[in-house]
C-alpha atoms as a PDB file:
ATOM      1  CA  UNK A   1      53.298 -14.806 202.288  1.00  0.00           C
ATOM      2  CA  UNK A   2      51.028 -16.390 204.887  1.00  0.00           C
ATOM      3  CA  UNK A   3      50.861 -20.076 205.603  1.00  0.00           C
ATOM      4  CA  UNK A   4      47.384 -21.564 205.521  1.00  0.00           C
ATOM      5  CA  UNK A   5      47.478 -25.348 205.957  1.00  0.00           C
ATOM      6  CA  UNK A   6      49.470 -26.576 203.005  1.00  0.00           C
ATOM      7  CA  UNK A   7      48.555 -23.628 200.780  1.00  0.00           C
ATOM      8  CA  UNK A   8      50.567 -20.434 200.501  1.00  0.00           C
ATOM      9  CA  UNK A   9      48.569 -17.233 200.123  1.00  0.00           C
ATOM     10  CA  UNK A  10      50.156 -14.306 198.292  1.00  0.00           C
ATOM     11  CA  UNK A  11      48.918 -10.737 198.428  1.00  0.00           C
ATOM     12  CA  UNK A  12      49.934  -8.493 195.571  1.00  0.00           C
ATOM     13  CA  UNK A  13      50.551  -4.844 196.370  1.00  0.00           C
ATOM     14  CA  UNK A  14      50.992  -2.497 193.447  1.00  0.00           C
ATOM     15  CA  UNK A  15      52.612   0.898 193.709  1.00  0.00           C
ATOM     16  CA  UNK A  16      51.269   3.560 191.395  1.00  0.00           C
ATOM     17  CA  UNK A  17      51.467   7.287 190.884  1.00  0.00           C
ATOM     18  CA  UNK A  18      48.426   9.474 190.394  1.00  0.00           C
ATOM     19  CA  UNK A  19      48.206  13.201 189.758  1.00  0.00           C
ATOM     20  CA  UNK A  20      45.720  14.994 191.984  1.00  0.00           C
ATOM     21  CA  UNK A  21      44.766  18.639 192.104  1.00  0.00           C
ATOM     22  CA  UNK A  22      46.547  20.333 195.039  1.00  0.00           C
ATOM     23  CA  UNK A  23      43.321  21.316 196.777  1.00  0.00           C
ATOM     24  CA  UNK A  24      41.925  17.775 196.506  1.00  0.00           C
ATOM     25  CA  UNK A  25      45.122  16.284 197.920  1.00  0.00           C
ATOM     26  CA  UNK A  26      45.224  18.833 200.756  1.00  0.00           C
ATOM     27  CA  UNK A  27      41.563  18.152 201.645  1.00  0.00           C
ATOM     28  CA  UNK A  28      42.142  14.385 201.524  1.00  0.00           C
ATOM     29  CA  UNK A  29      45.184  14.628 203.827  1.00  0.00           C
ATOM     30  CA  UNK A  30      43.237  16.759 206.296  1.00  0.00           C
ATOM     31  CA  UNK A  31      40.273  14.358 206.183  1.00  0.00           C
ATOM     32  CA  UNK A  32      42.562  11.344 206.711  1.00  0.00           C
ATOM     33  CA  UNK A  33      44.271  13.049 209.662  1.00  0.00           C
ATOM     34  CA  UNK A  34      40.929  13.958 211.236  1.00  0.00           C
ATOM     35  CA  UNK A  35      39.726  10.370 210.865  1.00  0.00           C
ATOM     36  CA  UNK A  36      42.993   8.909 212.150  1.00  0.00           C
ATOM     37  CA  UNK A  37      43.745   7.022 208.962  1.00  0.00           C
ATOM     38  CA  UNK A  38      46.273   7.241 206.158  1.00  0.00           C
ATOM     39  CA  UNK A  39      45.887   8.750 202.731  1.00  0.00           C
ATOM     40  CA  UNK A  40      46.537   5.305 201.260  1.00  0.00           C
ATOM     41  CA  UNK A  41      43.707   3.735 203.286  1.00  0.00           C
ATOM     42  CA  UNK A  42      41.414   6.581 202.324  1.00  0.00           C
ATOM     43  CA  UNK A  43      42.136   6.035 198.616  1.00  0.00           C
ATOM     44  CA  UNK A  44      41.710   2.250 198.938  1.00  0.00           C
ATOM     45  CA  UNK A  45      38.363   2.677 200.721  1.00  0.00           C
ATOM     46  CA  UNK A  46      37.204   5.151 198.090  1.00  0.00           C
ATOM     47  CA  UNK A  47      38.190   2.888 195.214  1.00  0.00           C
ATOM     48  CA  UNK A  48      36.497  -0.100 196.829  1.00  0.00           C
ATOM     49  CA  UNK A  49      33.350   1.927 197.368  1.00  0.00           C
ATOM     50  CA  UNK A  50      33.276   3.014 193.718  1.00  0.00           C
ATOM     51  CA  UNK A  51      34.001  -0.442 192.313  1.00  0.00           C
ATOM     52  CA  UNK A  52      31.481  -2.106 194.632  1.00  0.00           C
ATOM     53  CA  UNK A  53      28.814   0.419 193.598  1.00  0.00           C
ATOM     54  CA  UNK A  54      29.548  -0.354 189.942  1.00  0.00           C
ATOM     55  CA  UNK A  55      28.955  -4.041 190.571  1.00  0.00           C
ATOM     56  CA  UNK A  56      25.793  -3.289 192.547  1.00  0.00           C
ATOM     57  CA  UNK A  57      24.562  -0.996 189.798  1.00  0.00           C
ATOM     58  CA  UNK A  58      25.014  -3.653 187.129  1.00  0.00           C
ATOM     59  CA  UNK A  59      23.272  -6.153 189.422  1.00  0.00           C
ATOM     60  CA  UNK A  60      20.364  -3.700 189.797  1.00  0.00           C
ATOM     61  CA  UNK A  61      20.159  -3.316 186.007  1.00  0.00           C
ATOM     62  CA  UNK A  62      20.075  -7.111 185.642  1.00  0.00           C
ATOM     63  CA  UNK A  63      17.300  -7.427 188.235  1.00  0.00           C
ATOM     64  CA  UNK A  64      15.296  -4.647 186.576  1.00  0.00           C
ATOM     65  CA  UNK A  65      15.631  -6.353 183.183  1.00  0.00           C
ATOM     66  CA  UNK A  66      14.511  -9.687 184.659  1.00  0.00           C
ATOM     67  CA  UNK A  67      11.535  -8.074 186.411  1.00  0.00           C
ATOM     68  CA  UNK A  68      10.488  -6.499 183.116  1.00  0.00           C
ATOM     69  CA  UNK A  69      10.824  -9.854 181.339  1.00  0.00           C
ATOM     70  CA  UNK A  70       8.753 -11.625 184.011  1.00  0.00           C
ATOM     71  CA  UNK A  71       6.049  -8.963 183.752  1.00  0.00           C
ATOM     72  CA  UNK A  72       5.933  -9.459 179.989  1.00  0.00           C
ATOM     73  CA  UNK A  73       5.581 -13.219 180.477  1.00  0.00           C
ATOM     74  CA  UNK A  74       2.765 -12.846 183.010  1.00  0.00           C
ATOM     75  CA  UNK A  75      -0.537 -14.257 181.815  1.00  0.00           C
ATOM     76  CA  UNK A  76      -3.177 -11.676 181.053  1.00  0.00           C
ATOM     77  CA  UNK A  77      -6.067 -14.135 181.378  1.00  0.00           C
ATOM     78  CA  UNK A  78      -6.048 -15.185 184.996  1.00  0.00           C
ATOM     79  CA  UNK A  79      -9.679 -16.263 185.112  1.00  0.00           C
ATOM     80  CA  UNK A  80     -10.052 -19.966 185.920  1.00  0.00           C
ATOM     81  CA  UNK A  81     -11.317 -22.176 183.103  1.00  0.00           C
ATOM     82  CA  UNK A  82     -14.916 -23.283 183.272  1.00  0.00           C
ATOM     83  CA  UNK A  83     -14.623 -27.051 183.202  1.00  0.00           C
ATOM     84  CA  UNK A  84     -18.354 -27.610 183.473  1.00  0.00           C
ATOM     85  CA  UNK A  85     -19.834 -30.314 185.609  1.00  0.00           C
ATOM     86  CA  UNK A  86     -18.352 -33.795 185.989  1.00  0.00           C
ATOM     87  CA  UNK A  87     -21.073 -35.256 183.788  1.00  0.00           C
ATOM     88  CA  UNK A  88     -20.391 -32.734 181.027  1.00  0.00           C
ATOM     89  CA  UNK A  89     -16.683 -33.589 181.083  1.00  0.00           C
ATOM     90  CA  UNK A  90     -17.135 -37.347 180.881  1.00  0.00           C
ATOM     91  CA  UNK A  91     -20.113 -37.492 178.536  1.00  0.00           C
ATOM     92  CA  UNK A  92     -18.145 -36.275 175.549  1.00  0.00           C
END
């Protein structure tokens, strides 16, 4: 628990067990050692990268859908109206 003004901030840490293929685990441990990090940090970074990409992907889909909608709403007749002369407008 960290004190922040009058608010207490709690960080939840969950322990879990996952089954990994031996070769994948061995390669991950070697990679972590080469990078000077822990296996835990490597897994956390990987999970954050995957979950962030998922959010970005859904955001990209939303933007694509909105672009398509805006294109459909775009006027096809962009020629200015011929209003005629001032006299023609007011002599009606």
